Protein backbone atom coordinates (compact mmCIF):
# COMPACT_ATOMS: atom_id res chain seq x y z
CA MET A 1 -33.26 52.56 9.42
CA ALA A 2 -32.94 50.37 11.53
CA ASP A 3 -36.16 51.92 14.27
CA GLN A 4 -38.06 51.72 10.43
CA ALA A 5 -37.11 48.22 10.29
CA THR A 6 -38.19 47.20 13.38
CA LEU A 7 -41.70 48.87 12.81
CA THR A 8 -42.27 47.53 9.82
CA GLN A 9 -40.94 44.07 11.32
CA ALA A 10 -43.59 45.55 14.09
CA ARG A 11 -46.76 45.43 11.49
CA PHE A 12 -46.47 42.99 9.98
CA LEU A 13 -46.30 40.50 12.30
CA GLY A 14 -49.35 42.34 14.08
CA MET A 15 -47.57 43.50 17.21
CA PRO A 16 -48.68 47.39 18.75
CA GLU A 17 -45.81 49.84 17.78
CA THR A 18 -44.89 50.15 21.23
CA PRO A 19 -41.06 50.60 22.87
CA LEU A 20 -41.42 47.22 24.25
CA THR A 21 -42.50 45.66 21.21
CA ARG A 22 -39.10 47.03 19.49
CA LEU A 23 -36.99 45.57 22.68
CA PHE A 24 -38.50 42.03 21.84
CA LEU A 25 -37.59 42.21 17.86
CA LEU A 26 -34.58 43.45 18.53
CA GLY A 27 -33.66 41.05 20.95
CA GLY A 28 -35.29 38.27 18.31
CA SER A 29 -32.75 39.37 15.65
CA ALA A 30 -29.38 39.36 18.56
CA ALA A 31 -30.64 35.80 19.91
CA ALA A 32 -31.01 34.49 15.66
CA ILE A 33 -27.59 36.40 14.47
CA VAL A 34 -26.19 34.60 17.38
CA ALA A 35 -28.10 30.69 16.48
CA VAL A 36 -26.55 31.83 12.76
CA MET A 37 -22.62 32.06 14.56
CA ILE A 38 -23.22 28.73 16.55
CA GLY A 39 -24.36 27.04 13.75
CA VAL A 40 -21.23 28.62 11.58
CA TRP A 41 -18.96 26.83 14.34
CA MET A 42 -20.46 23.83 14.65
CA TRP A 43 -19.61 23.80 10.74
CA SER A 44 -16.06 24.91 10.40
CA SER A 45 -14.89 22.87 13.30
CA GLN A 46 -17.17 19.65 12.21
CA PRO A 47 -14.39 16.21 12.35
CA ASP A 48 -12.91 14.91 9.57
CA TYR A 49 -14.56 11.59 8.61
CA HIS A 50 -12.45 8.83 7.31
CA VAL A 51 -13.21 5.39 5.79
CA LEU A 52 -14.35 3.15 8.40
CA PHE A 53 -15.47 0.35 5.77
CA ALA A 54 -15.38 0.47 1.87
CA ASN A 55 -17.05 -2.18 -0.26
CA VAL A 56 -19.49 -4.04 2.54
CA SER A 57 -22.75 -6.55 1.94
CA ASP A 58 -26.03 -4.54 2.29
CA ARG A 59 -26.21 -7.22 4.88
CA ASP A 60 -22.99 -6.02 7.08
CA GLY A 61 -23.96 -2.62 6.12
CA GLY A 62 -26.70 -2.92 8.32
CA ALA A 63 -25.25 -4.17 11.38
CA ILE A 64 -22.41 -2.27 11.03
CA VAL A 65 -24.54 0.74 11.18
CA ALA A 66 -26.92 -0.82 14.00
CA SER A 67 -24.04 -1.16 15.82
CA LEU A 68 -22.52 2.45 14.67
CA GLN A 69 -26.36 3.82 16.56
CA GLN A 70 -25.90 2.19 20.12
CA MET A 71 -22.43 3.16 20.21
CA ASN A 72 -23.11 6.94 19.42
CA VAL A 73 -20.97 7.21 16.92
CA PRO A 74 -21.83 9.64 14.36
CA TYR A 75 -21.05 8.28 10.68
CA LYS A 76 -22.14 8.96 7.38
CA PHE A 77 -21.77 7.01 3.74
CA SER A 78 -19.53 8.00 0.68
CA ASP A 79 -20.22 8.78 -2.59
CA GLY A 80 -22.82 6.21 -4.13
CA GLY A 81 -22.91 4.04 -0.17
CA SER A 82 -19.45 1.92 -1.37
CA ALA A 83 -17.79 3.03 2.07
CA ILE A 84 -18.86 4.28 5.39
CA LEU A 85 -17.34 6.49 7.41
CA VAL A 86 -16.79 8.03 10.92
CA PRO A 87 -14.68 10.44 12.28
CA SER A 88 -11.24 9.89 12.11
CA THR A 89 -10.27 10.27 15.96
CA GLN A 90 -13.03 7.16 16.46
CA VAL A 91 -11.60 4.98 13.27
CA HIS A 92 -8.93 2.48 15.30
CA GLU A 93 -12.24 2.28 18.37
CA ALA A 94 -15.01 1.05 16.43
CA ARG A 95 -12.91 -0.81 14.16
CA LEU A 96 -11.99 -2.93 17.17
CA LYS A 97 -15.70 -2.97 19.03
CA LEU A 98 -17.06 -3.61 15.57
CA ALA A 99 -14.21 -6.94 15.33
CA SER A 100 -15.65 -8.05 18.93
CA GLN A 101 -19.05 -8.18 17.67
CA GLY A 102 -17.67 -10.45 14.00
CA LEU A 103 -18.42 -7.68 12.34
CA PRO A 104 -18.09 -7.46 8.77
CA LYS A 105 -18.56 -11.02 8.30
CA GLY A 106 -17.58 -10.87 4.03
CA GLY A 107 -19.79 -11.93 1.75
CA GLY A 108 -19.37 -16.45 2.17
CA VAL A 109 -19.92 -17.62 5.31
CA GLY A 110 -16.62 -20.22 6.81
CA PHE A 111 -16.75 -23.07 9.39
CA GLU A 112 -19.27 -21.00 12.26
CA LEU A 113 -21.50 -22.14 9.89
CA MET A 114 -21.24 -25.68 11.80
CA GLU A 115 -21.40 -24.07 14.47
CA ASN A 116 -24.95 -24.17 14.36
CA GLN A 117 -25.85 -27.38 13.34
CA LYS A 118 -29.96 -28.64 14.11
CA LEU A 119 -30.96 -31.93 16.04
CA GLY A 120 -31.63 -35.01 13.88
CA ILE A 121 -29.72 -33.51 10.58
CA SER A 122 -29.07 -35.65 7.41
CA GLN A 123 -25.91 -36.98 6.29
CA PHE A 124 -26.11 -35.18 3.45
CA LEU A 125 -27.19 -31.56 4.89
CA GLU A 126 -24.16 -32.19 7.28
CA GLN A 127 -21.91 -32.64 3.79
CA VAL A 128 -23.00 -29.54 2.18
CA ASN A 129 -23.15 -27.61 5.06
CA PHE A 130 -18.89 -28.71 5.58
CA GLN A 131 -18.30 -27.67 1.79
CA ARG A 132 -20.02 -24.01 1.89
CA ALA A 133 -17.98 -23.52 4.55
CA LEU A 134 -14.61 -24.92 3.29
CA GLU A 135 -15.25 -22.76 0.40
CA GLY A 136 -16.31 -19.74 2.46
CA GLU A 137 -12.86 -20.06 4.44
CA LEU A 138 -10.88 -20.35 1.15
CA ALA A 139 -12.95 -17.20 -0.43
CA ARG A 140 -11.13 -15.47 2.79
CA SER A 141 -8.12 -16.69 2.35
CA ILE A 142 -7.55 -15.86 -1.14
CA GLU A 143 -9.05 -12.45 -0.26
CA SER A 144 -6.22 -11.64 2.27
CA ILE A 145 -3.68 -10.82 -1.24
CA SER A 146 -3.56 -7.64 -1.14
CA ALA A 147 -3.89 -7.29 -5.48
CA VAL A 148 -7.50 -8.97 -4.86
CA GLN A 149 -10.98 -7.28 -3.97
CA THR A 150 -13.79 -10.51 -3.40
CA ALA A 151 -13.64 -14.24 -4.52
CA ARG A 152 -15.48 -17.06 -4.25
CA VAL A 153 -14.52 -21.18 -4.70
CA HIS A 154 -16.71 -23.12 -6.09
CA LEU A 155 -15.59 -27.05 -5.56
CA ALA A 156 -17.55 -30.41 -6.69
CA MET A 157 -16.55 -32.84 -4.57
CA PRO A 158 -17.67 -36.68 -5.58
CA LYS A 159 -19.15 -38.89 -3.58
CA ASP A 160 -16.87 -41.47 -2.44
CA THR A 161 -16.55 -45.37 -3.31
CA VAL A 162 -15.12 -48.62 -3.10
CA PHE A 163 -14.52 -49.03 -7.00
CA VAL A 164 -11.62 -47.98 -8.32
CA ARG A 165 -12.54 -47.67 -11.44
CA ASP A 166 -15.62 -45.79 -10.74
CA GLN A 167 -12.75 -43.11 -8.33
CA GLN A 168 -13.02 -39.30 -9.35
CA LYS A 169 -10.63 -36.74 -8.18
CA PRO A 170 -12.30 -33.62 -6.87
CA THR A 171 -12.67 -29.72 -9.08
CA ALA A 172 -12.45 -26.28 -7.64
CA SER A 173 -13.02 -22.86 -9.64
CA VAL A 174 -12.36 -19.52 -8.10
CA ILE A 175 -12.86 -16.70 -9.35
CA LEU A 176 -11.40 -13.34 -8.73
CA ASN A 177 -11.94 -9.60 -8.58
CA LEU A 178 -9.60 -7.66 -8.58
CA TYR A 179 -8.39 -4.18 -7.73
CA SER A 180 -8.42 -1.49 -9.82
CA SER A 181 -5.16 -1.12 -11.89
CA ARG A 182 -4.17 -4.15 -10.03
CA LEU A 183 -2.87 -7.22 -11.76
CA LEU A 184 -1.99 -11.25 -10.77
CA ASP A 185 1.79 -12.47 -12.02
CA GLN A 186 2.32 -16.12 -12.56
CA GLN A 187 3.62 -16.61 -9.30
CA GLN A 188 0.44 -15.45 -7.07
CA VAL A 189 -1.74 -17.42 -9.72
CA SER A 190 0.69 -20.74 -8.69
CA ALA A 191 0.44 -20.00 -4.96
CA ILE A 192 -3.64 -19.80 -5.34
CA ILE A 193 -3.38 -23.18 -6.77
CA HIS A 194 -1.42 -24.90 -4.35
CA LEU A 195 -3.53 -23.06 -1.93
CA VAL A 196 -7.19 -24.51 -3.16
CA ALA A 197 -5.15 -28.13 -3.80
CA SER A 198 -3.59 -28.65 -0.41
CA SER A 199 -6.83 -27.36 1.48
CA VAL A 200 -8.82 -29.92 -0.04
CA PRO A 201 -7.97 -33.38 -0.08
CA ASP A 202 -7.42 -35.25 -3.10
CA LEU A 203 -7.01 -31.99 -5.36
CA PRO A 204 -4.64 -31.79 -8.05
CA ALA A 205 -2.83 -29.11 -8.71
CA GLN A 206 -4.31 -29.32 -12.33
CA ASN A 207 -8.11 -29.04 -11.56
CA VAL A 208 -8.15 -26.03 -10.51
CA THR A 209 -9.63 -23.69 -11.88
CA ILE A 210 -9.12 -19.42 -11.91
CA VAL A 211 -10.76 -16.72 -13.60
CA ASP A 212 -10.81 -12.80 -13.19
CA GLN A 213 -13.50 -10.75 -13.15
CA SER A 214 -12.77 -9.95 -16.85
CA GLY A 215 -13.50 -13.86 -17.75
CA ASN A 216 -9.80 -13.93 -18.51
CA LEU A 217 -8.15 -17.41 -17.71
CA LEU A 218 -5.68 -17.27 -15.20
CA SER A 219 -4.40 -21.00 -14.92
CA ASP A 220 -4.24 -21.35 -18.89
CA THR A 221 -0.34 -23.25 -18.61
CA SER A 222 -0.40 -23.58 -22.09
CA LYS A 223 0.55 -20.21 -22.13
CA GLN A 224 3.83 -21.39 -20.68
CA THR A 225 5.16 -22.78 -22.94
CA ASN A 226 8.72 -21.61 -25.04
CA ASN A 227 7.80 -19.14 -27.50
CA GLY A 228 10.94 -17.31 -27.07
CA GLN A 229 9.42 -14.14 -25.09
CA LEU A 230 10.36 -13.63 -21.49
CA ASN A 231 7.74 -14.62 -18.46
CA PRO A 232 6.78 -12.44 -16.27
CA SER A 233 9.25 -13.85 -13.64
CA GLN A 234 12.69 -13.41 -15.94
CA LEU A 235 11.27 -9.83 -16.69
CA LYS A 236 11.40 -9.38 -13.05
CA TYR A 237 14.88 -11.34 -12.20
CA VAL A 238 16.73 -9.11 -15.20
CA HIS A 239 14.48 -5.53 -13.99
CA GLU A 240 15.95 -6.24 -9.97
CA LEU A 241 19.05 -7.47 -11.56
CA GLN A 242 19.45 -3.92 -13.54
CA GLN A 243 18.39 -2.38 -10.23
CA ASP A 244 20.77 -4.04 -7.98
CA ILE A 245 24.17 -3.08 -10.58
CA VAL A 246 22.70 0.82 -10.57
CA LYS A 247 22.04 0.57 -7.17
CA ARG A 248 25.57 -0.37 -6.45
CA ILE A 249 27.62 2.09 -8.99
CA GLU A 250 25.15 5.11 -7.03
CA SER A 251 26.32 3.64 -4.19
CA ILE A 252 30.32 3.23 -4.55
CA ILE A 253 30.86 6.72 -6.32
CA SER A 254 28.03 9.10 -4.66
CA PRO A 255 30.54 9.42 -1.27
CA ILE A 256 32.99 10.83 -3.92
CA VAL A 257 31.23 13.07 -5.94
CA GLY A 258 27.39 13.50 -3.65
CA PRO A 259 24.14 11.65 -3.55
CA SER A 260 22.68 13.47 -5.95
CA ASN A 261 25.77 13.96 -8.53
CA VAL A 262 25.51 11.00 -10.38
CA ARG A 263 22.86 9.00 -12.10
CA ALA A 264 23.35 5.47 -13.58
CA GLU A 265 21.38 2.71 -15.75
CA ALA A 266 22.13 -0.68 -16.89
CA THR A 267 20.94 -2.82 -19.25
CA ALA A 268 21.65 -6.89 -18.97
CA ASP A 269 21.17 -9.60 -21.50
CA VAL A 270 19.95 -12.24 -19.72
CA ASP A 271 20.42 -16.22 -21.56
CA PHE A 272 17.53 -18.10 -19.73
CA ASN A 273 18.47 -21.21 -22.19
CA HIS A 274 18.43 -24.61 -20.02
CA VAL A 275 21.32 -26.33 -21.41
CA GLU A 276 22.30 -30.04 -20.31
CA GLN A 277 25.71 -31.37 -22.78
CA ALA A 278 27.00 -35.10 -22.67
CA ALA A 279 30.09 -34.94 -24.24
CA GLU A 280 32.34 -38.57 -25.17
CA THR A 281 36.04 -37.55 -26.64
CA TYR A 282 39.05 -39.86 -28.04
CA LYS A 283 42.41 -39.10 -27.96
CA PRO A 284 44.86 -40.34 -31.08
CA ASN A 285 46.51 -44.04 -29.70
CA PRO A 286 50.06 -42.78 -27.65
CA THR A 287 53.28 -45.01 -28.35
CA PRO A 288 53.52 -48.29 -26.78
CA ASP A 289 56.12 -47.24 -24.26
CA SER A 290 54.05 -44.36 -22.76
CA SER A 291 51.03 -46.55 -22.70
CA SER A 292 49.28 -49.02 -19.98
CA ILE A 293 49.08 -52.37 -20.69
CA ARG A 294 45.09 -53.59 -19.77
CA SER A 295 45.67 -57.37 -20.11
CA MET A 296 48.36 -59.67 -21.67
CA GLN A 297 48.44 -63.17 -22.73
CA SER A 298 50.72 -65.50 -23.82
CA SER A 299 50.86 -69.49 -25.17
CA GLU A 300 52.97 -71.73 -26.02
CA SER A 301 52.04 -74.89 -27.94
CA GLY A 302 54.39 -78.12 -29.35
CA ASN A 303 54.53 -81.66 -30.57
CA LYS A 304 56.47 -84.59 -29.15
CA SER A 305 56.92 -87.30 -31.98
CA ALA A 306 56.55 -90.76 -30.17
CA ALA A 307 58.54 -93.95 -30.80
CA ASN A 308 56.34 -96.54 -32.76
CA ALA A 309 54.62 -98.72 -30.34
CA SER A 310 55.92 -102.27 -29.57
CA GLY A 311 55.42 -105.25 -27.99
CA ILE A 312 52.29 -107.44 -27.85
CA PRO A 313 49.25 -106.02 -28.51
CA GLY A 314 47.33 -106.06 -25.44
CA SER A 315 46.47 -104.00 -21.62
CA PHE A 316 50.40 -104.86 -21.04
CA SER A 317 51.71 -102.25 -24.67
CA ASN A 318 48.93 -99.25 -24.25
CA GLN A 319 50.05 -98.69 -20.75
CA PRO A 320 52.27 -95.91 -20.22
CA PRO A 321 56.05 -96.63 -18.76
CA VAL A 322 56.37 -96.77 -15.38
CA ASN A 323 58.64 -94.02 -13.45
CA ALA A 324 62.16 -94.48 -13.73
CA THR A 325 63.42 -95.16 -10.32
CA ALA A 326 66.81 -94.20 -11.76
CA PRO A 327 68.32 -91.15 -12.84
CA ILE A 328 68.92 -91.00 -16.56
CA THR A 329 71.88 -90.37 -17.39
CA THR A 330 73.91 -89.80 -20.77
CA PRO A 331 76.23 -92.39 -21.42
CA PRO A 332 79.77 -91.67 -20.45
CA GLY A 333 81.79 -89.07 -23.53
CA THR A 334 78.67 -88.37 -24.77
CA THR A 335 77.58 -84.36 -24.29
CA ALA A 336 74.56 -82.33 -24.16
CA ALA A 337 74.56 -80.72 -27.48
CA ALA A 338 75.15 -84.07 -29.10
CA ALA A 339 72.66 -85.69 -27.01
CA ALA A 340 70.24 -82.76 -27.78
CA ALA A 341 71.53 -83.73 -31.60
CA ALA A 342 70.78 -87.35 -31.00
CA ALA A 343 66.98 -86.78 -29.89
CA PRO A 344 64.55 -86.13 -32.49
CA ALA A 345 62.87 -82.86 -33.85
CA VAL A 346 59.50 -81.71 -31.80
CA PRO A 347 57.88 -78.59 -33.18
CA THR A 348 56.17 -75.92 -31.20
CA ALA A 349 54.64 -72.88 -31.18
CA LYS A 350 53.38 -69.30 -29.59
CA GLU A 351 50.43 -66.84 -28.87
CA SER A 352 51.48 -63.28 -27.17
CA THR A 353 48.08 -60.86 -26.84
CA ILE A 354 48.79 -56.92 -24.74
CA ASN A 355 45.37 -54.85 -24.30
CA TYR A 356 46.38 -51.04 -24.06
CA GLU A 357 44.18 -48.34 -22.45
CA VAL A 358 42.50 -46.13 -25.06
CA ASP A 359 42.51 -42.77 -23.97
CA LYS A 360 38.39 -41.59 -23.27
CA THR A 361 36.50 -38.64 -22.48
CA VAL A 362 33.32 -38.08 -21.12
CA ARG A 363 31.94 -34.66 -19.88
CA TYR A 364 28.24 -34.23 -18.59
CA THR A 365 27.69 -30.28 -18.39
CA GLN A 366 24.91 -28.68 -17.39
CA LEU A 367 24.27 -24.98 -17.34
CA ALA A 368 22.20 -23.11 -15.09
CA MET A 369 19.70 -20.30 -15.80
CA GLY A 370 19.54 -16.70 -15.75
CA GLY A 371 23.54 -16.53 -16.68
CA ILE A 372 24.86 -13.30 -17.40
CA LYS A 373 26.15 -12.55 -21.14
CA ARG A 374 26.82 -9.29 -21.28
CA LEU A 375 26.77 -6.25 -19.21
CA THR A 376 26.19 -2.74 -20.84
CA VAL A 377 26.27 0.41 -18.01
CA ALA A 378 26.23 4.35 -18.24
CA VAL A 379 27.14 6.40 -15.51
CA VAL A 380 26.93 10.09 -15.90
CA VAL A 381 28.57 12.64 -13.03
CA ASN A 382 28.14 16.30 -12.19
CA TYR A 383 30.76 18.45 -12.36
CA LYS A 384 32.07 19.02 -9.11
CA ARG A 385 32.28 21.70 -6.85
CA ASP A 386 35.07 23.71 -5.62
CA VAL A 387 35.25 26.46 -3.69
CA ASP A 388 38.34 29.33 -4.81
CA LYS A 389 40.19 31.45 -2.04
CA ASN A 390 37.60 34.26 -2.64
CA GLY A 391 35.72 31.66 -0.95
CA LYS A 392 32.74 31.50 -4.31
CA ALA A 393 31.95 28.34 -4.81
CA LYS A 394 32.64 27.17 -8.86
CA ASN A 395 31.63 24.03 -10.82
CA ARG A 396 34.66 22.66 -12.72
CA GLU A 397 35.16 19.24 -15.14
CA LEU A 398 37.01 16.20 -13.59
CA ASN A 399 40.27 15.82 -13.77
CA GLU A 400 42.18 12.49 -15.59
CA ALA A 401 42.75 10.93 -12.80
CA GLU A 402 39.20 11.31 -10.94
CA LYS A 403 38.13 10.13 -13.92
CA ALA A 404 39.94 7.28 -13.89
CA GLN A 405 39.13 6.57 -10.06
CA ILE A 406 35.26 5.87 -10.83
CA ILE A 407 35.91 4.23 -14.04
CA SER A 408 37.79 2.39 -11.93
CA LEU A 409 35.08 1.94 -8.95
CA THR A 410 32.46 1.46 -11.89
CA LYS A 411 33.86 -1.81 -13.19
CA GLU A 412 34.41 -3.04 -10.10
CA ALA A 413 30.73 -2.46 -8.37
CA MET A 414 29.69 -3.77 -11.69
CA GLY A 415 32.24 -7.32 -12.33
CA PHE A 416 32.83 -6.41 -15.11
CA SER A 417 34.83 -9.00 -17.73
CA GLN A 418 36.46 -8.26 -20.99
CA GLU A 419 36.11 -11.63 -22.18
CA ARG A 420 31.98 -11.43 -22.11
CA GLY A 421 32.16 -8.07 -23.83
CA ASP A 422 30.61 -6.24 -20.65
CA SER A 423 30.97 -1.82 -22.19
CA LEU A 424 30.85 0.80 -19.96
CA ASN A 425 30.70 4.84 -20.82
CA VAL A 426 31.09 7.21 -17.95
CA VAL A 427 30.59 10.49 -19.33
CA ASN A 428 31.05 13.88 -16.92
CA SER A 429 28.53 17.01 -17.41
CA GLN A 430 26.57 19.53 -15.94
CA PHE A 431 23.58 18.76 -14.32
CA VAL A 432 20.95 21.46 -14.78
CA SER A 433 19.25 23.24 -12.39
CA THR A 434 20.06 21.04 -9.78
CA GLU A 435 19.12 22.65 -6.92
CA THR A 436 15.87 23.43 -8.36
CA GLU A 437 15.09 20.17 -8.52
CA THR A 438 11.32 19.90 -7.22
CA SER A 439 8.97 16.54 -7.39
CA ASP A 440 7.29 15.86 -10.86
CA ILE A 441 3.33 16.95 -9.21
CA PRO A 442 3.61 20.72 -8.16
CA LEU A 443 2.62 22.05 -4.41
CA TRP A 444 -0.50 23.11 -4.88
CA LYS A 445 -1.78 19.19 -6.95
CA GLN A 446 -0.14 17.19 -4.14
CA PRO A 447 -3.76 15.71 -2.07
CA GLU A 448 -2.12 16.64 1.35
CA ASN A 449 -1.75 20.21 0.49
CA ILE A 450 -5.14 19.86 -1.17
CA GLN A 451 -6.33 18.71 2.04
CA LEU A 452 -4.75 21.15 4.27
CA ALA A 453 -5.88 23.98 1.71
CA LYS A 454 -9.36 22.97 2.00
CA ASP A 455 -9.22 22.88 6.54
CA ILE A 456 -7.43 26.41 6.79
CA GLY A 457 -10.40 27.59 4.48
CA LYS A 458 -13.36 25.75 6.42
CA TYR A 459 -11.76 26.93 9.50
CA LEU A 460 -10.64 31.23 8.02
CA ALA A 461 -14.04 31.07 6.48
CA GLY A 462 -15.83 29.87 9.64
CA ALA A 463 -13.96 32.62 11.81
CA LEU A 464 -15.04 36.14 9.09
CA ALA A 465 -18.48 34.77 9.37
CA ILE A 466 -18.22 34.67 12.92
CA MET A 467 -16.34 37.97 13.29
CA TYR A 468 -19.25 39.77 10.13
CA LEU A 469 -22.15 38.65 12.48
CA PHE A 470 -20.76 39.86 15.97
CA PHE A 471 -19.42 43.71 14.75
CA GLY A 472 -21.68 43.84 11.92
CA TYR A 473 -25.11 42.60 13.49
CA LEU A 474 -24.78 41.51 17.37
CA LYS A 475 -22.70 44.21 18.53
CA PRO A 476 -24.66 47.30 17.39
CA LEU A 477 -27.85 45.35 18.22
CA ILE A 478 -27.08 44.67 21.88
CA LYS A 479 -25.60 48.39 21.54
CA ARG A 480 -29.16 49.66 20.27
CA ILE A 481 -30.81 47.48 22.60
CA MET A 482 -28.96 48.89 25.76
CA ASP A 483 -29.82 52.56 24.49
CA ARG A 484 -33.16 51.73 24.16
CA SER A 485 -33.60 50.47 27.80
CA THR A 486 -31.58 54.20 29.49
CA VAL A 487 -34.06 55.48 26.73
CA ALA A 488 -36.84 53.91 28.43
CA MET A 489 -36.14 54.57 31.70
CA ASP A 490 -35.48 58.15 31.01
CA ALA A 491 -38.13 58.64 29.09
CA LYS A 492 -40.60 57.29 32.13
CA GLU A 493 -38.62 59.46 34.74
CA LYS A 494 -38.89 63.13 32.54
CA ALA A 495 -42.32 61.91 31.83
CA GLU A 496 -43.22 61.69 35.66
CA ASN A 497 -41.75 65.07 36.04
CA ALA A 498 -43.39 66.77 32.99
CA ALA A 499 -46.55 65.05 34.58
CA ASN A 500 -46.30 66.54 37.87
CA ILE A 501 -45.28 70.00 36.15
CA PHE A 502 -48.68 69.95 34.44
CA ALA A 503 -50.28 68.58 37.64
CA THR A 504 -49.70 72.32 39.74
CA ASP A 505 -51.28 75.30 39.45
CA GLU A 506 -49.60 77.23 36.42
CA GLU A 507 -50.36 80.71 38.50
CA GLU A 508 -48.58 79.29 41.32
CA ASN A 509 -45.20 78.39 39.44
CA GLU A 510 -45.31 81.31 38.53
CA GLU A 511 -45.10 83.68 41.40
CA ALA A 512 -43.17 81.29 43.19
CA ALA A 513 -41.21 81.38 40.35
CA ILE A 514 -41.52 85.01 39.94
CA VAL A 515 -40.74 85.50 43.70
CA ASN A 516 -38.05 82.94 44.17
CA LEU A 517 -36.39 84.80 41.22
CA SER A 518 -36.62 88.31 42.57
CA ASN A 519 -35.80 87.21 46.18
CA GLN A 520 -32.30 85.26 44.87
CA GLU A 521 -30.00 87.57 42.74
CA ILE A 522 -29.69 84.45 39.66
CA PRO A 523 -27.38 85.54 37.11
CA ASP A 524 -28.72 85.97 33.25
CA GLU A 525 -26.60 83.02 32.26
CA ALA A 526 -27.66 80.36 34.75
CA ARG A 527 -31.76 81.84 34.52
CA ALA A 528 -31.29 81.01 30.52
CA LYS A 529 -29.82 77.31 30.93
CA ALA A 530 -32.37 76.69 33.26
CA SER A 531 -35.34 77.79 31.01
CA GLN A 532 -33.29 75.98 28.27
CA ALA A 533 -33.74 73.17 30.60
CA TYR A 534 -37.11 73.76 31.38
CA GLU A 535 -38.10 74.00 27.62
CA LYS A 536 -36.10 70.57 26.90
CA ASP A 537 -37.59 68.25 29.84
CA LEU A 538 -40.97 70.46 28.57
CA GLU A 539 -40.35 69.32 24.47
CA ILE A 540 -39.51 65.24 26.13
CA ALA A 541 -42.78 64.94 27.91
CA ARG A 542 -45.08 66.22 24.49
CA ASP A 543 -42.54 63.94 21.89
CA LEU A 544 -43.46 60.95 25.26
CA SER A 545 -47.22 61.77 24.68
CA LYS A 546 -47.38 61.91 21.32
CA GLN A 547 -45.15 58.54 20.89
CA ASP A 548 -46.68 56.58 23.23
CA PRO A 549 -49.64 57.67 24.78
CA LYS A 550 -49.72 55.26 27.03
CA ILE A 551 -47.11 55.95 29.40
CA VAL A 552 -48.03 59.13 30.20
CA ALA A 553 -52.09 57.83 30.45
CA ASN A 554 -50.55 55.42 33.59
CA VAL A 555 -48.64 58.15 35.21
CA VAL A 556 -51.89 59.49 34.99
CA LYS A 557 -53.80 57.01 36.42
CA ASN A 558 -51.27 55.84 39.51
CA TRP A 559 -51.93 60.33 40.33
CA VAL A 560 -55.62 59.45 39.96
CA ASN A 561 -55.47 56.30 41.79
CA ASN A 562 -53.43 57.67 44.61
CA GLU A 563 -54.99 61.03 44.94
């Protein structure tokens, strides 16, 4: 079949059907198979490509591709041309080399715009370039946030004026393009607002507007009013508080029952009300004996009746009497009581005022936000695993002492408070198939296993294709070529021998053969073998002359030339 295919190829190519032609075609087929094997090997050993840069602009993409071509780094594009891929072994080296060249530059320009200022540029253009550079630097800073893919910043800078009445504050607008399935919470939005406001002189935070790629206004402060709902930061605080309680419970119980034999969940009722309270309390008046005197005031007044005026009217009678020069004494024999009785009566008045302290309490209370109003915790503990006397593992239920120990530890870990109305429920139950737990994603669906299977399949397919081509086509072709060359050499020798046999005189050969046979005693068996060999050589020479008469003609030609 191979010979027939070779003859068919020779006829199709218009080549003479000679052994040399067949040998040439066999060699070409072997070379083609070797080329196919090399191609399969190169395909199977093709390097794994990883992302060098993604979502680059057209200008940056062209500059990156030109630099990769200069560095002789192979590259290709992902579907749609959204990313540039290079071999995984050259990703970091290529990034460092491109970074030294300032690539990628990004969609906007920064303060490098100020490096190439032209001589004689106007003040207006200088201000415009500065504003463009500031916008580009702010956009780059905002793009460093993990959830932001691209950002654009627009600044409205009013002209400076000396008139206070005409002064205006600058404003800023920020457009964010977020990654797929990414969101910004209110804290991150506030961070961007303060970042922009702090970078521009005299820019108040309320003059910064932030919009996402869907047209949603992220910097709207009117939605932050107290409408009875928790904002994202409060929800995050509650979630972190609950997870912290669960972590503390599991970490303290796991050493007793095992790391995979306890599950806990907590629900926290948190009070986010901001309360300020001022109270002024008065107590009933105490008794005078036990009270404290604040102040006391007393006064006494009296009218003393003077003697009737006498004497000559004038200055002497209106003058007060002079001081006595001698002590006033009562007449002898007169007692003090009699003297007092004899004195005229003088009317008197007394007043006394006493002020007591009054009990008063003034209290000013400010309650902090985030106080826990109530905790509810549920804990499930697996059966305990023991080994009996026979060495067999057996699961058993926890006894009362072990349950009480776990309940006590859980209360301490969660900060149980009876006055607060906390609730705790501990259940001991056997877990279902704890030893055969698997991940949520099957092994054959995990991305790393899929990639590993693809790599193994590629290498295996390449090896099988190379083995099939080698053992199925290349090795038989090589063997056939070797056999053809050997047969050609043998045929050439046999043709020369056959030509020599034809050249001798047939009668002389017969007589010589008869004489030799008669002179030597040759056994019949040897004679038959010699005759068969002669006939065989003669048949080969005839077949060769029929198949390729050119060789026989060349031999005869050599004889004629050599006489």
